Amino acid sequence: MIATHHAVHQVTLPVETSSRAAIESPPDLMPQRPRWVDDAIGEHHRRGNDSTAGVEVIESGPLLFVSTRVPDARALNARTLRARVADAYGAVGDALAAFNRHPIRFWNYIPDPGAPMDDGLDRYMVFNAGRFDGFARRQASASGAGAALATASGIGTIGDDLVVHCLASDAPGVAVENPRQTPAWRYSARYGPIPPCFSRATIAAIRGRRLLLVGGTASVVGEDSRHEGDVGAQLDETIRNLDALIRAAVIDPSVDDVLGRLVDVRVYVERATDASAIRAGVEARCPRASRIEVAVARVCRPELLVEIEGVAEL
């Protein structure tokens, strides 16, 4: 069992956040959870760590937040990185099993995900292979907690470590796929010999609210990137994907303004110079979003210039 009495060091996320404010120069992304997770965890929680497994935990009622890292991932070769990522996911799965929790949301912060590695793969593809190995290991050793396929974001970050965060609950979530997109786990070998392991969104009950936890969403239709080099068109396509994904989850998909259900949004931009225009577009299309976080970050495909995640009320 993982102890729950040691202090945990938290890294402050330099993300530009305000309601309806212009952004001049958003900061680079650091590996910290979105602020809506802090709200969900609340002030009354217990923190702890398992120094052997390198896992940090925060327990708050039915919720559990688990974090681990692969130190100096930027310097590792492909074989070692894959093995270390598998170990990291195995450690997260062990923590979830120890607390009898189910994963409902993952965040993966990957240094320079598009960097070339061995055999024509990039770092994100190698990460995907390690993540798959970690999930497979957990499913082979246990059922229940730790075995579900939750939604996720995989995003570039400053620094050299690869960081994995997981939000879990005492009840499993419900996976949701986007009808406009191929499920990530069915991607062709063009995107790596082992596809990504995540759902597009997860329905979960958090603090009495039925929420849709939306994973990283970009200008992808089917499995193909669209509108290379055109950030405005990519934003429009991303918004269409968000609309379709939320419609797939709501009880009444005929509702006109499903984007109005988004209450918290995080935006990743490849180029800082695009931030103000992208934020204005998100604000116009997501009128109920009380908080919009923006940061500069590499998206998992080099041709993609913007990625959006968030939380919608159902």
C-alpha atoms as a PDB file:
ATOM      1  CA  MET A   1       0.000   0.000   0.000  1.00  0.00           C
ATOM      2  CA  ILE A   2       1.189   3.525  -0.761  1.00  0.00           C
ATOM      3  CA  ALA A   3       1.682   5.794   2.222  1.00  0.00           C
ATOM      4  CA  THR A   4      -0.391   8.982   2.448  1.00  0.00           C
ATOM      5  CA  HIS A   5       1.439  11.252   4.858  1.00  0.00           C
ATOM      6  CA  HIS A   6       4.457  12.684   3.040  1.00  0.00           C
ATOM      7  CA  ALA A   7       4.489  16.130   1.449  1.00  0.00           C
ATOM      8  CA  VAL A   8       4.452  16.309  -2.336  1.00  0.00           C
ATOM      9  CA  HIS A   9       6.231  19.027  -4.278  1.00  0.00           C
ATOM     10  CA  GLN A  10       3.983  20.665  -6.891  1.00  0.00           C
ATOM     11  CA  VAL A  11       5.214  22.522  -9.971  1.00  0.00           C
ATOM     12  CA  THR A  12       3.465  25.744 -10.876  1.00  0.00           C
ATOM     13  CA  LEU A  13       2.102  25.762 -14.408  1.00  0.00           C
ATOM     14  CA  PRO A  14       2.936  28.960 -16.294  1.00  0.00           C
ATOM     15  CA  VAL A  15      -0.289  29.182 -18.293  1.00  0.00           C
ATOM     16  CA  GLU A  16      -2.005  32.397 -19.263  1.00  0.00           C
ATOM     17  CA  THR A  17      -5.442  32.265 -17.642  1.00  0.00           C
ATOM     18  CA  SER A  18      -8.149  34.875 -17.507  1.00  0.00           C
ATOM     19  CA  SER A  19     -11.749  35.400 -18.484  1.00  0.00           C
ATOM     20  CA  ARG A  20     -11.982  37.213 -21.809  1.00  0.00           C
ATOM     21  CA  ALA A  21      -8.518  38.789 -21.692  1.00  0.00           C
ATOM     22  CA  ALA A  22      -6.163  39.177 -24.630  1.00  0.00           C
ATOM     23  CA  ILE A  23      -2.895  37.281 -24.619  1.00  0.00           C
ATOM     24  CA  GLU A  24       0.294  38.951 -25.739  1.00  0.00           C
ATOM     25  CA  SER A  25       2.843  36.228 -25.048  1.00  0.00           C
ATOM     26  CA  PRO A  26       1.655  32.921 -23.535  1.00  0.00           C
ATOM     27  CA  PRO A  27       4.264  30.914 -21.632  1.00  0.00           C
ATOM     28  CA  ASP A  28       5.761  27.548 -22.485  1.00  0.00           C
ATOM     29  CA  LEU A  29       3.941  24.595 -20.998  1.00  0.00           C
ATOM     30  CA  MET A  30       5.237  22.928 -17.865  1.00  0.00           C
ATOM     31  CA  PRO A  31       3.925  19.546 -16.664  1.00  0.00           C
ATOM     32  CA  GLN A  32       1.179  20.573 -14.302  1.00  0.00           C
ATOM     33  CA  ARG A  33      -2.439  19.462 -14.160  1.00  0.00           C
ATOM     34  CA  PRO A  34      -5.206  21.783 -15.390  1.00  0.00           C
ATOM     35  CA  ARG A  35      -6.694  24.038 -12.758  1.00  0.00           C
ATOM     36  CA  TRP A  36     -10.124  22.408 -12.907  1.00  0.00           C
ATOM     37  CA  VAL A  37      -8.470  19.333 -11.390  1.00  0.00           C
ATOM     38  CA  ASP A  38      -7.293  21.446  -8.452  1.00  0.00           C
ATOM     39  CA  ASP A  39     -10.897  22.615  -8.008  1.00  0.00           C
ATOM     40  CA  ALA A  40     -12.164  19.021  -8.090  1.00  0.00           C
ATOM     41  CA  ILE A  41      -9.591  17.833  -5.567  1.00  0.00           C
ATOM     42  CA  GLY A  42     -10.348  20.745  -3.253  1.00  0.00           C
ATOM     43  CA  GLU A  43      -8.534  21.798  -0.113  1.00  0.00           C
ATOM     44  CA  HIS A  44      -9.359  18.751   2.002  1.00  0.00           C
ATOM     45  CA  HIS A  45      -7.155  15.994   0.682  1.00  0.00           C
ATOM     46  CA  ARG A  46      -4.286  13.737   1.680  1.00  0.00           C
ATOM     47  CA  ARG A  47      -0.950  13.653  -0.094  1.00  0.00           C
ATOM     48  CA  GLY A  48       1.607  10.915  -0.197  1.00  0.00           C
ATOM     49  CA  ASN A  49       4.246   9.118  -2.216  1.00  0.00           C
ATOM     50  CA  ASP A  50       5.883   5.796  -2.825  1.00  0.00           C
ATOM     51  CA  SER A  51       9.571   6.581  -3.181  1.00  0.00           C
ATOM     52  CA  THR A  52      10.318   3.069  -4.477  1.00  0.00           C
ATOM     53  CA  ALA A  53       7.883   3.324  -7.398  1.00  0.00           C
ATOM     54  CA  GLY A  54       8.424   7.059  -7.858  1.00  0.00           C
ATOM     55  CA  VAL A  55       4.685   7.730  -7.620  1.00  0.00           C
ATOM     56  CA  GLU A  56       3.009  10.695  -5.941  1.00  0.00           C
ATOM     57  CA  VAL A  57      -0.650  10.572  -4.943  1.00  0.00           C
ATOM     58  CA  ILE A  58      -3.325  12.969  -3.787  1.00  0.00           C
ATOM     59  CA  GLU A  59      -6.444  11.380  -2.318  1.00  0.00           C
ATOM     60  CA  SER A  60      -9.638  13.408  -2.033  1.00  0.00           C
ATOM     61  CA  GLY A  61     -12.799  11.475  -1.275  1.00  0.00           C
ATOM     62  CA  PRO A  62     -13.635   9.332  -4.309  1.00  0.00           C
ATOM     63  CA  LEU A  63     -10.930  11.002  -6.420  1.00  0.00           C
ATOM     64  CA  LEU A  64      -7.285  10.079  -6.682  1.00  0.00           C
ATOM     65  CA  PHE A  65      -4.613  12.004  -8.563  1.00  0.00           C
ATOM     66  CA  VAL A  66      -1.489   9.999  -9.396  1.00  0.00           C
ATOM     67  CA  SER A  67       1.711  11.402 -10.872  1.00  0.00           C
ATOM     68  CA  THR A  68       5.021   9.916 -11.931  1.00  0.00           C
ATOM     69  CA  ARG A  69       7.884  10.806 -14.243  1.00  0.00           C
ATOM     70  CA  VAL A  70      10.626   9.363 -16.432  1.00  0.00           C
ATOM     71  CA  PRO A  71      13.718  11.426 -15.563  1.00  0.00           C
ATOM     72  CA  ASP A  72      15.883  12.720 -18.419  1.00  0.00           C
ATOM     73  CA  ALA A  73      13.595  11.174 -21.028  1.00  0.00           C
ATOM     74  CA  ARG A  74      14.944  13.528 -23.674  1.00  0.00           C
ATOM     75  CA  ALA A  75      18.359  11.810 -23.483  1.00  0.00           C
ATOM     76  CA  LEU A  76      17.114   8.194 -23.614  1.00  0.00           C
ATOM     77  CA  ASN A  77      17.334   5.988 -26.678  1.00  0.00           C
ATOM     78  CA  ALA A  78      14.149   4.440 -28.066  1.00  0.00           C
ATOM     79  CA  ARG A  79      14.489   1.053 -26.389  1.00  0.00           C
ATOM     80  CA  THR A  80      15.185   2.501 -22.959  1.00  0.00           C
ATOM     81  CA  LEU A  81      12.462   5.135 -23.246  1.00  0.00           C
ATOM     82  CA  ARG A  82       9.875   2.530 -24.172  1.00  0.00           C
ATOM     83  CA  ALA A  83      10.825   0.406 -21.175  1.00  0.00           C
ATOM     84  CA  ARG A  84      10.800   3.379 -18.787  1.00  0.00           C
ATOM     85  CA  VAL A  85       7.377   4.547 -20.008  1.00  0.00           C
ATOM     86  CA  ALA A  86       6.035   1.007 -19.519  1.00  0.00           C
ATOM     87  CA  ASP A  87       7.398   1.030 -15.977  1.00  0.00           C
ATOM     88  CA  ALA A  88       5.814   4.434 -15.315  1.00  0.00           C
ATOM     89  CA  TYR A  89       2.405   3.260 -16.483  1.00  0.00           C
ATOM     90  CA  GLY A  90       2.819   0.077 -14.507  1.00  0.00           C
ATOM     91  CA  ALA A  91       3.539   2.117 -11.382  1.00  0.00           C
ATOM     92  CA  VAL A  92       0.457   4.274 -11.965  1.00  0.00           C
ATOM     93  CA  GLY A  93      -1.622   1.133 -12.421  1.00  0.00           C
ATOM     94  CA  ASP A  94      -0.269  -0.323  -9.184  1.00  0.00           C
ATOM     95  CA  ALA A  95      -1.220   2.847  -7.321  1.00  0.00           C
ATOM     96  CA  LEU A  96      -4.743   2.765  -8.738  1.00  0.00           C
ATOM     97  CA  ALA A  97      -5.115  -0.868  -7.722  1.00  0.00           C
ATOM     98  CA  ALA A  98      -3.830  -0.131  -4.220  1.00  0.00           C
ATOM     99  CA  PHE A  99      -6.498   2.533  -3.752  1.00  0.00           C
ATOM    100  CA  ASN A 100      -9.177   0.655  -5.737  1.00  0.00           C
ATOM    101  CA  ARG A 101      -9.653   3.499  -8.211  1.00  0.00           C
ATOM    102  CA  HIS A 102     -10.424   3.621 -11.934  1.00  0.00           C
ATOM    103  CA  PRO A 103      -8.590   5.976 -14.335  1.00  0.00           C
ATOM    104  CA  ILE A 104     -10.801   8.582 -15.977  1.00  0.00           C
ATOM    105  CA  ARG A 105      -8.229  11.016 -17.416  1.00  0.00           C
ATOM    106  CA  PHE A 106      -4.513  10.969 -18.332  1.00  0.00           C
ATOM    107  CA  TRP A 107      -2.099  13.779 -19.203  1.00  0.00           C
ATOM    108  CA  ASN A 108       1.249  12.918 -20.771  1.00  0.00           C
ATOM    109  CA  TYR A 109       3.907  15.625 -20.999  1.00  0.00           C
ATOM    110  CA  ILE A 110       6.568  14.554 -23.477  1.00  0.00           C
ATOM    111  CA  PRO A 111       9.748  16.510 -24.218  1.00  0.00           C
ATOM    112  CA  ASP A 112       9.879  17.261 -27.962  1.00  0.00           C
ATOM    113  CA  PRO A 113       7.415  14.519 -29.036  1.00  0.00           C
ATOM    114  CA  GLY A 114       8.293  14.855 -32.723  1.00  0.00           C
ATOM    115  CA  ALA A 115      12.036  14.273 -32.235  1.00  0.00           C
ATOM    116  CA  PRO A 116      13.324  11.471 -34.522  1.00  0.00           C
ATOM    117  CA  MET A 117      14.461   8.249 -32.865  1.00  0.00           C
ATOM    118  CA  ASP A 118      15.397   4.744 -34.045  1.00  0.00           C
ATOM    119  CA  ASP A 119      13.787   2.899 -36.981  1.00  0.00           C
ATOM    120  CA  GLY A 120      12.036   5.943 -38.383  1.00  0.00           C
ATOM    121  CA  LEU A 121       9.994   6.510 -35.221  1.00  0.00           C
ATOM    122  CA  ASP A 122       9.582   9.758 -33.342  1.00  0.00           C
ATOM    123  CA  ARG A 123       9.509  10.148 -29.568  1.00  0.00           C
ATOM    124  CA  TYR A 124       5.704  10.178 -29.435  1.00  0.00           C
ATOM    125  CA  MET A 125       5.540   6.855 -31.279  1.00  0.00           C
ATOM    126  CA  VAL A 126       8.039   5.336 -28.859  1.00  0.00           C
ATOM    127  CA  PHE A 127       6.007   6.725 -25.962  1.00  0.00           C
ATOM    128  CA  ASN A 128       2.880   5.080 -27.402  1.00  0.00           C
ATOM    129  CA  ALA A 129       4.649   1.721 -27.505  1.00  0.00           C
ATOM    130  CA  GLY A 130       5.698   2.073 -23.874  1.00  0.00           C
ATOM    131  CA  ARG A 131       2.215   3.128 -22.809  1.00  0.00           C
ATOM    132  CA  PHE A 132       0.770   0.074 -24.574  1.00  0.00           C
ATOM    133  CA  ASP A 133       3.262  -2.182 -22.809  1.00  0.00           C
ATOM    134  CA  GLY A 134       2.325  -0.670 -19.448  1.00  0.00           C
ATOM    135  CA  PHE A 135      -1.400  -1.164 -20.042  1.00  0.00           C
ATOM    136  CA  ALA A 136      -0.855  -4.710 -21.297  1.00  0.00           C
ATOM    137  CA  ARG A 137       1.200  -5.521 -18.216  1.00  0.00           C
ATOM    138  CA  ARG A 138      -1.557  -4.289 -15.920  1.00  0.00           C
ATOM    139  CA  GLN A 139      -4.271  -6.210 -17.764  1.00  0.00           C
ATOM    140  CA  ALA A 140      -2.214  -9.378 -17.601  1.00  0.00           C
ATOM    141  CA  SER A 141      -1.658  -9.075 -13.852  1.00  0.00           C
ATOM    142  CA  ALA A 142      -4.996  -7.719 -12.633  1.00  0.00           C
ATOM    143  CA  SER A 143      -8.499  -6.804 -13.672  1.00  0.00           C
ATOM    144  CA  GLY A 144     -10.605  -3.850 -12.575  1.00  0.00           C
ATOM    145  CA  ALA A 145      -8.800  -0.795 -11.263  1.00  0.00           C
ATOM    146  CA  GLY A 146      -6.091   0.415 -13.575  1.00  0.00           C
ATOM    147  CA  ALA A 147      -7.259  -1.539 -16.657  1.00  0.00           C
ATOM    148  CA  ALA A 148      -9.741   0.885 -18.256  1.00  0.00           C
ATOM    149  CA  LEU A 149      -8.942   2.933 -21.367  1.00  0.00           C
ATOM    150  CA  ALA A 150      -9.487   6.567 -20.346  1.00  0.00           C
ATOM    151  CA  THR A 151      -9.156   9.718 -22.402  1.00  0.00           C
ATOM    152  CA  ALA A 152      -5.768  11.398 -22.590  1.00  0.00           C
ATOM    153  CA  SER A 153      -3.662  14.246 -23.886  1.00  0.00           C
ATOM    154  CA  GLY A 154      -0.123  13.786 -25.160  1.00  0.00           C
ATOM    155  CA  ILE A 155       1.612  17.128 -25.463  1.00  0.00           C
ATOM    156  CA  GLY A 156       5.125  18.535 -25.680  1.00  0.00           C
ATOM    157  CA  THR A 157       6.623  20.245 -22.667  1.00  0.00           C
ATOM    158  CA  ILE A 158       9.717  22.145 -21.698  1.00  0.00           C
ATOM    159  CA  GLY A 159      12.221  20.304 -19.561  1.00  0.00           C
ATOM    160  CA  ASP A 160      13.825  16.895 -19.978  1.00  0.00           C
ATOM    161  CA  ASP A 161      11.506  14.662 -17.956  1.00  0.00           C
ATOM    162  CA  LEU A 162       8.478  12.822 -19.294  1.00  0.00           C
ATOM    163  CA  VAL A 163       5.601  13.238 -16.832  1.00  0.00           C
ATOM    164  CA  VAL A 164       2.411  11.198 -16.515  1.00  0.00           C
ATOM    165  CA  HIS A 165      -0.606  12.429 -14.565  1.00  0.00           C
ATOM    166  CA  CYS A 166      -3.744  10.384 -13.966  1.00  0.00           C
ATOM    167  CA  LEU A 167      -7.060  11.418 -12.444  1.00  0.00           C
ATOM    168  CA  ALA A 168      -8.986   8.444 -11.101  1.00  0.00           C
ATOM    169  CA  SER A 169     -12.293   7.841  -9.345  1.00  0.00           C
ATOM    170  CA  ASP A 170     -13.988   5.126  -7.329  1.00  0.00           C
ATOM    171  CA  ALA A 171     -16.368   4.557 -10.268  1.00  0.00           C
ATOM    172  CA  PRO A 172     -15.240   3.827 -13.833  1.00  0.00           C
ATOM    173  CA  GLY A 173     -15.955   6.376 -16.537  1.00  0.00           C
ATOM    174  CA  VAL A 174     -17.660   5.767 -19.882  1.00  0.00           C
ATOM    175  CA  ALA A 175     -15.498   6.134 -22.986  1.00  0.00           C
ATOM    176  CA  VAL A 176     -16.774   8.308 -25.848  1.00  0.00           C
ATOM    177  CA  GLU A 177     -15.458   8.314 -29.425  1.00  0.00           C
ATOM    178  CA  ASN A 178     -15.770  11.028 -32.064  1.00  0.00           C
ATOM    179  CA  PRO A 179     -17.772   9.902 -35.135  1.00  0.00           C
ATOM    180  CA  ARG A 180     -15.604  12.191 -37.307  1.00  0.00           C
ATOM    181  CA  GLN A 181     -12.388  10.504 -36.222  1.00  0.00           C
ATOM    182  CA  THR A 182     -10.904   7.025 -36.297  1.00  0.00           C
ATOM    183  CA  PRO A 183     -10.500   5.730 -32.734  1.00  0.00           C
ATOM    184  CA  ALA A 184      -6.858   6.318 -31.819  1.00  0.00           C
ATOM    185  CA  TRP A 185      -6.324   2.659 -30.982  1.00  0.00           C
ATOM    186  CA  ARG A 186      -7.255   1.797 -34.590  1.00  0.00           C
ATOM    187  CA  TYR A 187      -4.739   4.121 -36.273  1.00  0.00           C
ATOM    188  CA  SER A 188      -2.753   2.686 -39.146  1.00  0.00           C
ATOM    189  CA  ALA A 189       0.979   1.991 -38.987  1.00  0.00           C
ATOM    190  CA  ARG A 190       1.625   5.438 -40.509  1.00  0.00           C
ATOM    191  CA  TYR A 191       1.399   6.753 -36.960  1.00  0.00           C
ATOM    192  CA  GLY A 192       3.611   4.125 -35.416  1.00  0.00           C
ATOM    193  CA  PRO A 193       3.710   0.334 -35.196  1.00  0.00           C
ATOM    194  CA  ILE A 194       1.692   0.456 -31.960  1.00  0.00           C
ATOM    195  CA  PRO A 195      -1.222   2.921 -31.926  1.00  0.00           C
ATOM    196  CA  PRO A 196      -2.054   5.334 -29.109  1.00  0.00           C
ATOM    197  CA  CYS A 197      -4.113   3.907 -26.239  1.00  0.00           C
ATOM    198  CA  PHE A 198      -6.839   6.395 -25.296  1.00  0.00           C
ATOM    199  CA  SER A 199     -10.472   7.279 -25.883  1.00  0.00           C
ATOM    200  CA  ARG A 200     -11.483  10.705 -27.219  1.00  0.00           C
ATOM    201  CA  ALA A 201     -13.432  11.603 -24.063  1.00  0.00           C
ATOM    202  CA  THR A 202     -14.699  10.101 -20.828  1.00  0.00           C
ATOM    203  CA  ILE A 203     -18.033  10.619 -19.089  1.00  0.00           C
ATOM    204  CA  ALA A 204     -17.499  10.763 -15.330  1.00  0.00           C
ATOM    205  CA  ALA A 205     -19.312  11.920 -12.204  1.00  0.00           C
ATOM    206  CA  ILE A 206     -17.203  14.416 -10.265  1.00  0.00           C
ATOM    207  CA  ARG A 207     -18.465  16.186  -7.140  1.00  0.00           C
ATOM    208  CA  GLY A 208     -22.074  15.528  -8.073  1.00  0.00           C
ATOM    209  CA  ARG A 209     -21.714  16.781 -11.649  1.00  0.00           C
ATOM    210  CA  ARG A 210     -21.967  14.610 -14.765  1.00  0.00           C
ATOM    211  CA  LEU A 211     -19.048  15.765 -16.873  1.00  0.00           C
ATOM    212  CA  LEU A 212     -17.446  14.978 -20.195  1.00  0.00           C
ATOM    213  CA  LEU A 213     -13.667  15.009 -19.862  1.00  0.00           C
ATOM    214  CA  VAL A 214     -12.482  15.933 -23.353  1.00  0.00           C
ATOM    215  CA  GLY A 215      -9.032  14.748 -24.373  1.00  0.00           C
ATOM    216  CA  GLY A 216      -6.605  16.591 -26.635  1.00  0.00           C
ATOM    217  CA  THR A 217      -8.522  17.441 -29.819  1.00  0.00           C
ATOM    218  CA  ALA A 218      -6.980  18.791 -33.013  1.00  0.00           C
ATOM    219  CA  SER A 219      -7.550  19.177 -36.753  1.00  0.00           C
ATOM    220  CA  VAL A 220      -7.774  15.452 -37.510  1.00  0.00           C
ATOM    221  CA  VAL A 221     -10.515  13.834 -39.594  1.00  0.00           C
ATOM    222  CA  GLY A 222     -10.498  10.060 -39.795  1.00  0.00           C
ATOM    223  CA  GLU A 223      -6.844   9.598 -38.900  1.00  0.00           C
ATOM    224  CA  ASP A 224      -5.477  12.322 -41.170  1.00  0.00           C
ATOM    225  CA  SER A 225      -4.319  15.803 -40.218  1.00  0.00           C
ATOM    226  CA  ARG A 226      -6.127  18.567 -42.093  1.00  0.00           C
ATOM    227  CA  HIS A 227      -5.212  22.120 -43.187  1.00  0.00           C
ATOM    228  CA  GLU A 228      -1.450  21.939 -42.823  1.00  0.00           C
ATOM    229  CA  GLY A 229       0.032  25.405 -42.278  1.00  0.00           C
ATOM    230  CA  ASP A 230      -3.363  27.150 -41.875  1.00  0.00           C
ATOM    231  CA  VAL A 231      -3.963  27.784 -38.190  1.00  0.00           C
ATOM    232  CA  GLY A 232      -7.383  29.386 -38.736  1.00  0.00           C
ATOM    233  CA  ALA A 233      -8.672  26.404 -40.700  1.00  0.00           C
ATOM    234  CA  GLN A 234      -7.180  24.046 -38.120  1.00  0.00           C
ATOM    235  CA  LEU A 235      -9.007  25.870 -35.346  1.00  0.00           C
ATOM    236  CA  ASP A 236     -12.290  25.612 -37.272  1.00  0.00           C
ATOM    237  CA  GLU A 237     -11.758  21.863 -37.817  1.00  0.00           C
ATOM    238  CA  THR A 238     -10.865  21.388 -34.168  1.00  0.00           C
ATOM    239  CA  ILE A 239     -14.056  23.173 -33.123  1.00  0.00           C
ATOM    240  CA  ARG A 240     -16.067  20.898 -35.434  1.00  0.00           C
ATOM    241  CA  ASN A 241     -14.464  17.908 -33.754  1.00  0.00           C
ATOM    242  CA  LEU A 242     -15.290  19.248 -30.295  1.00  0.00           C
ATOM    243  CA  ASP A 243     -18.893  19.805 -31.373  1.00  0.00           C
ATOM    244  CA  ALA A 244     -19.178  16.261 -32.753  1.00  0.00           C
ATOM    245  CA  LEU A 245     -17.574  14.729 -29.680  1.00  0.00           C
ATOM    246  CA  ILE A 246     -19.874  16.505 -27.228  1.00  0.00           C
ATOM    247  CA  ARG A 247     -22.911  15.621 -29.369  1.00  0.00           C
ATOM    248  CA  ALA A 248     -21.871  11.965 -29.174  1.00  0.00           C
ATOM    249  CA  ALA A 249     -22.072  12.174 -25.380  1.00  0.00           C
ATOM    250  CA  VAL A 250     -25.132  14.322 -24.645  1.00  0.00           C
ATOM    251  CA  ILE A 251     -28.551  12.820 -24.061  1.00  0.00           C
ATOM    252  CA  ASP A 252     -30.210  15.104 -26.605  1.00  0.00           C
ATOM    253  CA  PRO A 253     -27.840  15.609 -29.551  1.00  0.00           C
ATOM    254  CA  SER A 254     -30.349  17.887 -31.307  1.00  0.00           C
ATOM    255  CA  VAL A 255     -29.490  20.715 -28.910  1.00  0.00           C
ATOM    256  CA  ASP A 256     -28.238  23.623 -30.999  1.00  0.00           C
ATOM    257  CA  ASP A 257     -25.351  24.902 -28.894  1.00  0.00           C
ATOM    258  CA  VAL A 258     -23.460  21.903 -27.525  1.00  0.00           C
ATOM    259  CA  LEU A 259     -20.248  23.943 -27.391  1.00  0.00           C
ATOM    260  CA  GLY A 260     -22.005  26.020 -24.752  1.00  0.00           C
ATOM    261  CA  ARG A 261     -21.607  23.023 -22.470  1.00  0.00           C
ATOM    262  CA  LEU A 262     -17.838  23.549 -22.298  1.00  0.00           C
ATOM    263  CA  VAL A 263     -17.094  25.167 -18.947  1.00  0.00           C
ATOM    264  CA  ASP A 264     -13.308  24.836 -18.749  1.00  0.00           C
ATOM    265  CA  VAL A 265     -10.881  24.874 -21.671  1.00  0.00           C
ATOM    266  CA  ARG A 266      -7.153  24.444 -22.115  1.00  0.00           C
ATOM    267  CA  VAL A 267      -5.548  25.440 -25.428  1.00  0.00           C
ATOM    268  CA  TYR A 268      -2.100  24.441 -26.669  1.00  0.00           C
ATOM    269  CA  VAL A 269      -0.601  26.530 -29.453  1.00  0.00           C
ATOM    270  CA  GLU A 270       2.512  25.710 -31.456  1.00  0.00           C
ATOM    271  CA  ARG A 271       3.307  29.363 -32.217  1.00  0.00           C
ATOM    272  CA  ALA A 272       2.971  32.117 -29.633  1.00  0.00           C
ATOM    273  CA  THR A 273       2.054  34.583 -32.378  1.00  0.00           C
ATOM    274  CA  ASP A 274      -1.185  32.653 -33.022  1.00  0.00           C
ATOM    275  CA  ALA A 275      -2.349  32.746 -29.400  1.00  0.00           C
ATOM    276  CA  SER A 276      -4.489  35.894 -29.432  1.00  0.00           C
ATOM    277  CA  ALA A 277      -6.413  34.925 -32.556  1.00  0.00           C
ATOM    278  CA  ILE A 278      -6.922  31.361 -31.346  1.00  0.00           C
ATOM    279  CA  ARG A 279      -8.112  32.512 -27.951  1.00  0.00           C
ATOM    280  CA  ALA A 280     -10.567  34.947 -29.530  1.00  0.00           C
ATOM    281  CA  GLY A 281     -11.940  32.133 -31.684  1.00  0.00           C
ATOM    282  CA  VAL A 282     -12.334  29.837 -28.686  1.00  0.00           C
ATOM    283  CA  GLU A 283     -14.026  32.545 -26.632  1.00  0.00           C
ATOM    284  CA  ALA A 284     -16.512  33.244 -29.430  1.00  0.00           C
ATOM    285  CA  ARG A 285     -17.443  29.586 -29.804  1.00  0.00           C
ATOM    286  CA  CYS A 286     -17.412  28.564 -26.121  1.00  0.00           C
ATOM    287  CA  PRO A 287     -19.486  31.262 -24.408  1.00  0.00           C
ATOM    288  CA  ARG A 288     -19.826  29.448 -21.052  1.00  0.00           C
ATOM    289  CA  ALA A 289     -16.162  28.660 -20.580  1.00  0.00           C
ATOM    290  CA  SER A 290     -15.331  30.521 -17.388  1.00  0.00           C
ATOM    291  CA  ARG A 291     -11.640  29.690 -17.644  1.00  0.00           C
ATOM    292  CA  ILE A 292      -9.458  29.376 -20.722  1.00  0.00           C
ATOM    293  CA  GLU A 293      -5.843  28.330 -20.201  1.00  0.00           C
ATOM    294  CA  VAL A 294      -3.378  28.919 -23.035  1.00  0.00           C
ATOM    295  CA  ALA A 295       0.219  27.727 -23.326  1.00  0.00           C
ATOM    296  CA  VAL A 296       2.816  27.238 -26.045  1.00  0.00           C
ATOM    297  CA  ALA A 297       3.448  23.530 -26.598  1.00  0.00           C
ATOM    298  CA  ARG A 298       4.401  21.045 -29.290  1.00  0.00           C
ATOM    299  CA  VAL A 299       1.464  18.940 -30.455  1.00  0.00           C
ATOM    300  CA  CYS A 300       2.001  15.225 -31.073  1.00  0.00           C
ATOM    301  CA  ARG A 301       2.131  15.755 -34.872  1.00  0.00           C
ATOM    302  CA  PRO A 302       4.459  18.457 -36.217  1.00  0.00           C
ATOM    303  CA  GLU A 303       1.926  19.725 -38.782  1.00  0.00           C
ATOM    304  CA  LEU A 304      -0.695  20.479 -36.120  1.00  0.00           C
ATOM    305  CA  LEU A 305      -0.663  24.025 -34.761  1.00  0.00           C
ATOM    306  CA  VAL A 306      -3.398  23.946 -32.119  1.00  0.00           C
ATOM    307  CA  GLU A 307      -4.924  21.418 -29.741  1.00  0.00           C
ATOM    308  CA  ILE A 308      -7.817  21.898 -27.332  1.00  0.00           C
ATOM    309  CA  GLU A 309      -9.009  19.922 -24.316  1.00  0.00           C
ATOM    310  CA  GLY A 310     -11.528  20.700 -21.621  1.00  0.00           C
ATOM    311  CA  VAL A 311     -14.553  19.816 -19.539  1.00  0.00           C
ATOM    312  CA  ALA A 312     -18.196  19.919 -20.645  1.00  0.00           C
ATOM    313  CA  GLU A 313     -21.307  19.635 -18.502  1.00  0.00           C
ATOM    314  CA  LEU A 314     -23.793  16.997 -19.616  1.00  0.00           C
END
